[in-house]
Amino acid sequence: MLKITLVKSTIAHIPGQKKTVKALGLNKLNSVVVKNDTPQIRGMIEKVKHLVKVEEVEA
C-alpha cells in the first residue's frame, strides 16, 4: 500500500498533471490517500513526483 500526500499546489502546472493529481484522489494541499501499489498508480506518481510525497505502509 502507498500513502500519497499532496505537498505542492497544482496551480501553474500543466493540465495533464492537474488531472493526474485529481485522478489519484487528491484535492487540497496536504490531502492524503492510501492506494494499492500497482503499476498504474506508480506511473501516475511518476508523472507528478514533484508535487507529491509517497510512503509505503502496511495493509
Protein backbone atom coordinates (compact mmCIF):
# COMPACT_ATOMS: atom_id res chain seq x y z
CA MET A 1 0.00 0.00 0.00
CA LEU A 2 1.15 3.53 -0.77
CA LYS A 3 0.35 6.63 1.25
CA ILE A 4 0.34 9.61 -1.12
CA THR A 5 0.35 13.21 0.15
CA LEU A 6 -0.04 16.32 -1.99
CA VAL A 7 2.77 18.64 -0.83
CA LYS A 8 2.83 21.26 -3.61
CA SER A 9 -0.03 23.13 -5.26
CA THR A 10 -1.13 22.29 -8.80
CA ILE A 11 -1.54 25.98 -9.65
CA ALA A 12 0.64 26.94 -12.63
CA HIS A 13 1.19 23.32 -13.68
CA ILE A 14 0.07 21.77 -16.95
CA PRO A 15 -3.49 20.43 -17.20
CA GLY A 16 -2.32 16.81 -17.52
CA GLN A 17 -0.62 16.98 -14.15
CA LYS A 18 -3.68 18.59 -12.55
CA LYS A 19 -5.87 15.78 -13.90
CA THR A 20 -3.44 13.13 -12.66
CA VAL A 21 -3.47 14.59 -9.13
CA LYS A 22 -7.28 14.67 -9.20
CA ALA A 23 -7.41 11.08 -10.51
CA LEU A 24 -5.25 9.99 -7.57
CA GLY A 25 -7.96 11.40 -5.30
CA LEU A 26 -6.00 14.39 -4.04
CA ASN A 27 -7.83 17.72 -3.86
CA LYS A 28 -6.36 20.18 -1.38
CA LEU A 29 -2.81 20.73 -0.24
CA ASN A 30 -1.70 18.16 2.35
CA SER A 31 -4.56 15.80 1.47
CA VAL A 32 -3.66 12.12 1.88
CA VAL A 33 -4.87 8.96 0.13
CA VAL A 34 -3.86 5.33 0.52
CA LYS A 35 -3.74 3.32 -2.72
CA ASN A 36 -2.72 -0.20 -3.69
CA ASP A 37 0.79 -0.49 -5.13
CA THR A 38 0.05 -1.17 -8.82
CA PRO A 39 1.98 -0.28 -11.98
CA GLN A 40 -0.79 2.15 -12.96
CA ILE A 41 -0.58 4.05 -9.67
CA ARG A 42 3.24 4.06 -9.84
CA GLY A 43 3.01 5.58 -13.34
CA MET A 44 0.67 8.30 -12.12
CA ILE A 45 3.00 9.06 -9.22
CA GLU A 46 5.98 9.24 -11.59
CA LYS A 47 4.14 11.87 -13.66
CA VAL A 48 3.60 14.14 -10.64
CA LYS A 49 6.51 13.12 -8.40
CA HIS A 50 7.50 16.77 -7.88
CA LEU A 51 4.08 17.51 -6.34
CA VAL A 52 3.58 14.50 -4.04
CA LYS A 53 5.26 12.63 -1.21
CA VAL A 54 4.97 8.83 -1.26
CA GLU A 55 5.42 6.44 1.67
CA GLU A 56 4.99 2.68 1.77
CA VAL A 57 2.65 1.49 4.52
CA GLU A 58 1.49 -1.94 5.66
CA ALA A 59 -2.01 -3.03 4.67
